[in-house]
Amino acid sequence: MTQNSTTYYVWIGGSCDYGHKERAGGAAVVIEHNGNIISRDAISDLHTTEFRMMLTLMVKVLHELEAGSDILFLTNAAYIQNFDKTPTAKSANPDLILQCIEEKKRHNSVGVKIVQYHKSSLLMETHDMATEAMAKTRKKFHHDCK
């Protein structure tokens, strides 16, 4: 992929462990700008999904990047393609979608591109970061329960 030097490329991935009672979800980003990695971030929480965490992190990135920016989210999660579509009564995470819509207004352009997971080391890195963040959240939860 040829990159434009003015666009922020935000690699975003998530992870969720549905097999646990306190199900943790996580998301992570690696942000590239002008050919350099400028930021990495990961979040996680209990009793949630990776999609909710990914939308939460999208809101954070959209809020923190300079107004008027061109931003392209790169992911293998087709779910987030609807981050800027007005939610309906059947939409999951309508609160976060509305926040994305609002934050998108601050920028010149914001889009999502689907990329193949195994062809991007940065996308694999986001998954690993999200999984690690979930493990830390779960460990803290179990430690605090003792």
C-alpha atoms as a PDB file:
ATOM      1  CA  MET A   1       0.000   0.000   0.000  1.00  0.00           C
ATOM      2  CA  THR A   2       1.340   3.403  -0.967  1.00  0.00           C
ATOM      3  CA  GLN A   3       0.993   5.871   1.879  1.00  0.00           C
ATOM      4  CA  ASN A   4       0.229   9.567   1.634  1.00  0.00           C
ATOM      5  CA  SER A   5       2.536  11.646   3.839  1.00  0.00           C
ATOM      6  CA  THR A   6      -0.316  13.726   5.278  1.00  0.00           C
ATOM      7  CA  THR A   7      -2.650  10.861   6.238  1.00  0.00           C
ATOM      8  CA  TYR A   8      -2.686   9.210   9.655  1.00  0.00           C
ATOM      9  CA  TYR A   9      -2.778   5.437   9.163  1.00  0.00           C
ATOM     10  CA  VAL A  10      -4.337   3.876  12.237  1.00  0.00           C
ATOM     11  CA  TRP A  11      -3.890   0.119  12.432  1.00  0.00           C
ATOM     12  CA  ILE A  12      -6.605  -1.105  14.772  1.00  0.00           C
ATOM     13  CA  GLY A  13      -7.322  -4.581  16.058  1.00  0.00           C
ATOM     14  CA  GLY A  14      -9.156  -6.249  18.866  1.00  0.00           C
ATOM     15  CA  SER A  15      -9.429  -9.401  20.862  1.00  0.00           C
ATOM     16  CA  CYS A  16     -12.049 -10.952  23.109  1.00  0.00           C
ATOM     17  CA  ASP A  17     -12.092 -14.058  25.257  1.00  0.00           C
ATOM     18  CA  TYR A  18     -15.674 -15.226  25.154  1.00  0.00           C
ATOM     19  CA  GLY A  19     -14.804 -18.380  27.094  1.00  0.00           C
ATOM     20  CA  HIS A  20     -14.461 -16.643  30.466  1.00  0.00           C
ATOM     21  CA  LYS A  21     -17.263 -15.705  32.853  1.00  0.00           C
ATOM     22  CA  GLU A  22     -16.013 -12.121  33.150  1.00  0.00           C
ATOM     23  CA  ARG A  23     -15.339 -11.919  29.380  1.00  0.00           C
ATOM     24  CA  ALA A  24     -12.694  -9.326  28.613  1.00  0.00           C
ATOM     25  CA  GLY A  25     -12.481  -7.323  25.419  1.00  0.00           C
ATOM     26  CA  GLY A  26      -9.508  -5.357  24.219  1.00  0.00           C
ATOM     27  CA  ALA A  27      -8.404  -3.136  21.368  1.00  0.00           C
ATOM     28  CA  ALA A  28      -5.146  -1.596  20.267  1.00  0.00           C
ATOM     29  CA  VAL A  29      -3.823   0.856  17.708  1.00  0.00           C
ATOM     30  CA  VAL A  30      -0.528   1.573  16.034  1.00  0.00           C
ATOM     31  CA  ILE A  31      -0.561   5.002  14.379  1.00  0.00           C
ATOM     32  CA  GLU A  32       1.674   5.813  11.419  1.00  0.00           C
ATOM     33  CA  HIS A  33       2.192   9.309  10.026  1.00  0.00           C
ATOM     34  CA  ASN A  34       4.610  10.457   7.366  1.00  0.00           C
ATOM     35  CA  GLY A  35       6.228   7.015   7.289  1.00  0.00           C
ATOM     36  CA  ASN A  36       6.870   6.808  11.037  1.00  0.00           C
ATOM     37  CA  ILE A  37       5.094   5.079  13.900  1.00  0.00           C
ATOM     38  CA  ILE A  38       4.065   7.936  16.170  1.00  0.00           C
ATOM     39  CA  SER A  39       1.896   6.182  18.745  1.00  0.00           C
ATOM     40  CA  ARG A  40       0.767   2.868  20.209  1.00  0.00           C
ATOM     41  CA  ASP A  41      -2.142   2.418  22.582  1.00  0.00           C
ATOM     42  CA  ALA A  42      -4.179  -0.445  24.024  1.00  0.00           C
ATOM     43  CA  ILE A  43      -7.326  -0.573  26.146  1.00  0.00           C
ATOM     44  CA  SER A  44      -9.401  -3.350  27.691  1.00  0.00           C
ATOM     45  CA  ASP A  45     -12.316  -3.880  30.001  1.00  0.00           C
ATOM     46  CA  LEU A  46     -14.376  -6.695  31.485  1.00  0.00           C
ATOM     47  CA  HIS A  47     -17.874  -7.751  30.433  1.00  0.00           C
ATOM     48  CA  THR A  48     -17.528  -6.356  26.929  1.00  0.00           C
ATOM     49  CA  THR A  49     -16.481  -7.238  23.390  1.00  0.00           C
ATOM     50  CA  GLU A  50     -13.547  -6.394  21.153  1.00  0.00           C
ATOM     51  CA  PHE A  51     -15.901  -4.428  18.907  1.00  0.00           C
ATOM     52  CA  ARG A  52     -16.991  -2.151  21.724  1.00  0.00           C
ATOM     53  CA  MET A  53     -13.356  -1.652  22.700  1.00  0.00           C
ATOM     54  CA  MET A  54     -12.374  -0.921  19.068  1.00  0.00           C
ATOM     55  CA  LEU A  55     -15.084   1.734  18.751  1.00  0.00           C
ATOM     56  CA  THR A  56     -14.023   3.212  22.103  1.00  0.00           C
ATOM     57  CA  LEU A  57     -10.440   3.446  20.875  1.00  0.00           C
ATOM     58  CA  MET A  58     -11.587   4.947  17.553  1.00  0.00           C
ATOM     59  CA  VAL A  59     -13.395   7.716  19.462  1.00  0.00           C
ATOM     60  CA  LYS A  60     -10.212   8.341  21.478  1.00  0.00           C
ATOM     61  CA  VAL A  61      -8.002   8.511  18.371  1.00  0.00           C
ATOM     62  CA  LEU A  62     -10.450  10.778  16.528  1.00  0.00           C
ATOM     63  CA  HIS A  63     -10.588  13.060  19.550  1.00  0.00           C
ATOM     64  CA  GLU A  64      -6.818  13.208  20.088  1.00  0.00           C
ATOM     65  CA  LEU A  65      -5.612  13.681  16.508  1.00  0.00           C
ATOM     66  CA  GLU A  66      -5.377  17.237  15.241  1.00  0.00           C
ATOM     67  CA  ALA A  67      -8.608  18.674  13.809  1.00  0.00           C
ATOM     68  CA  GLY A  68      -8.682  18.729  10.021  1.00  0.00           C
ATOM     69  CA  SER A  69      -6.670  15.514   9.693  1.00  0.00           C
ATOM     70  CA  ASP A  70      -7.009  12.770   7.104  1.00  0.00           C
ATOM     71  CA  ILE A  71      -7.351   9.462   8.954  1.00  0.00           C
ATOM     72  CA  LEU A  72      -7.543   5.922   7.616  1.00  0.00           C
ATOM     73  CA  PHE A  73      -8.288   3.061  10.002  1.00  0.00           C
ATOM     74  CA  LEU A  74      -6.810  -0.237   8.766  1.00  0.00           C
ATOM     75  CA  THR A  75      -8.313  -3.429  10.183  1.00  0.00           C
ATOM     76  CA  ASN A  76      -9.536  -6.917   9.428  1.00  0.00           C
ATOM     77  CA  ALA A  77     -12.731  -6.300  11.473  1.00  0.00           C
ATOM     78  CA  ALA A  78     -15.472  -5.506   8.965  1.00  0.00           C
ATOM     79  CA  TYR A  79     -17.759  -4.580  11.888  1.00  0.00           C
ATOM     80  CA  ILE A  80     -16.187  -1.136  12.278  1.00  0.00           C
ATOM     81  CA  GLN A  81     -16.924  -0.158   8.664  1.00  0.00           C
ATOM     82  CA  ASN A  82     -20.247   1.156   9.992  1.00  0.00           C
ATOM     83  CA  PHE A  83     -18.594   3.471  12.529  1.00  0.00           C
ATOM     84  CA  ASP A  84     -20.159   6.508  10.844  1.00  0.00           C
ATOM     85  CA  LYS A  85     -23.598   5.144   9.907  1.00  0.00           C
ATOM     86  CA  THR A  86     -26.502   6.506  11.937  1.00  0.00           C
ATOM     87  CA  PRO A  87     -27.472   3.734  14.355  1.00  0.00           C
ATOM     88  CA  THR A  88     -30.875   2.103  14.261  1.00  0.00           C
ATOM     89  CA  ALA A  89     -32.844   0.383  17.012  1.00  0.00           C
ATOM     90  CA  LYS A  90     -31.035  -2.848  16.080  1.00  0.00           C
ATOM     91  CA  SER A  91     -27.504  -1.371  16.069  1.00  0.00           C
ATOM     92  CA  ALA A  92     -24.957  -2.641  18.561  1.00  0.00           C
ATOM     93  CA  ASN A  93     -23.023   0.055  20.428  1.00  0.00           C
ATOM     94  CA  PRO A  94     -25.117   3.035  19.235  1.00  0.00           C
ATOM     95  CA  ASP A  95     -23.602   5.291  21.904  1.00  0.00           C
ATOM     96  CA  LEU A  96     -20.100   4.781  20.552  1.00  0.00           C
ATOM     97  CA  ILE A  97     -21.176   5.049  16.918  1.00  0.00           C
ATOM     98  CA  LEU A  98     -22.773   8.430  17.700  1.00  0.00           C
ATOM     99  CA  GLN A  99     -19.516   9.541  19.348  1.00  0.00           C
ATOM    100  CA  CYS A 100     -17.565   8.437  16.251  1.00  0.00           C
ATOM    101  CA  ILE A 101     -19.953  10.378  14.011  1.00  0.00           C
ATOM    102  CA  GLU A 102     -19.488  13.483  16.146  1.00  0.00           C
ATOM    103  CA  GLU A 103     -15.687  13.207  16.295  1.00  0.00           C
ATOM    104  CA  LYS A 104     -15.485  12.519  12.541  1.00  0.00           C
ATOM    105  CA  LYS A 105     -16.898  16.016  11.908  1.00  0.00           C
ATOM    106  CA  ARG A 106     -13.641  17.525  13.236  1.00  0.00           C
ATOM    107  CA  HIS A 107     -11.587  15.959  10.449  1.00  0.00           C
ATOM    108  CA  ASN A 108     -11.073  16.404   6.737  1.00  0.00           C
ATOM    109  CA  SER A 109     -11.583  12.716   5.973  1.00  0.00           C
ATOM    110  CA  VAL A 110     -11.985   9.526   7.990  1.00  0.00           C
ATOM    111  CA  GLY A 111     -12.292   6.061   6.494  1.00  0.00           C
ATOM    112  CA  VAL A 112     -11.890   2.367   7.153  1.00  0.00           C
ATOM    113  CA  LYS A 113     -10.029  -0.057   4.914  1.00  0.00           C
ATOM    114  CA  ILE A 114     -10.199  -3.814   5.367  1.00  0.00           C
ATOM    115  CA  VAL A 115      -6.808  -5.518   5.123  1.00  0.00           C
ATOM    116  CA  GLN A 116      -5.819  -9.163   5.379  1.00  0.00           C
ATOM    117  CA  TYR A 117      -4.687  -9.971   8.889  1.00  0.00           C
ATOM    118  CA  HIS A 118      -1.733 -12.211   8.046  1.00  0.00           C
ATOM    119  CA  LYS A 119      -0.301  -9.752   5.516  1.00  0.00           C
ATOM    120  CA  SER A 120       0.244  -6.964   8.028  1.00  0.00           C
ATOM    121  CA  SER A 121       2.704  -7.198  10.882  1.00  0.00           C
ATOM    122  CA  LEU A 122       1.211  -4.020  12.407  1.00  0.00           C
ATOM    123  CA  LEU A 123      -2.278  -5.526  12.442  1.00  0.00           C
ATOM    124  CA  MET A 124      -0.911  -8.654  14.094  1.00  0.00           C
ATOM    125  CA  GLU A 125       0.835  -6.382  16.606  1.00  0.00           C
ATOM    126  CA  THR A 126      -2.474  -4.695  17.506  1.00  0.00           C
ATOM    127  CA  HIS A 127      -4.043  -8.086  18.181  1.00  0.00           C
ATOM    128  CA  ASP A 128      -1.135  -9.064  20.433  1.00  0.00           C
ATOM    129  CA  MET A 129      -1.329  -5.715  22.261  1.00  0.00           C
ATOM    130  CA  ALA A 130      -5.097  -6.112  22.773  1.00  0.00           C
ATOM    131  CA  THR A 131      -4.660  -9.659  24.056  1.00  0.00           C
ATOM    132  CA  GLU A 132      -1.954  -8.512  26.490  1.00  0.00           C
ATOM    133  CA  ALA A 133      -4.149  -5.655  27.733  1.00  0.00           C
ATOM    134  CA  MET A 134      -6.979  -8.132  28.374  1.00  0.00           C
ATOM    135  CA  ALA A 135      -4.661 -10.443  30.295  1.00  0.00           C
ATOM    136  CA  LYS A 136      -3.575  -7.541  32.532  1.00  0.00           C
ATOM    137  CA  THR A 137      -7.196  -6.504  33.112  1.00  0.00           C
ATOM    138  CA  ARG A 138      -8.191 -10.070  34.041  1.00  0.00           C
ATOM    139  CA  LYS A 139      -5.155 -10.502  36.315  1.00  0.00           C
ATOM    140  CA  LYS A 140      -5.988  -7.271  38.148  1.00  0.00           C
ATOM    141  CA  PHE A 141      -9.628  -8.335  38.473  1.00  0.00           C
ATOM    142  CA  HIS A 142      -8.705 -11.698  40.008  1.00  0.00           C
ATOM    143  CA  HIS A 143      -6.099 -10.094  42.270  1.00  0.00           C
ATOM    144  CA  ASP A 144      -8.632  -7.519  43.515  1.00  0.00           C
ATOM    145  CA  CYS A 145     -11.209 -10.278  44.181  1.00  0.00           C
ATOM    146  CA  LYS A 146      -8.890 -12.027  46.668  1.00  0.00           C
END
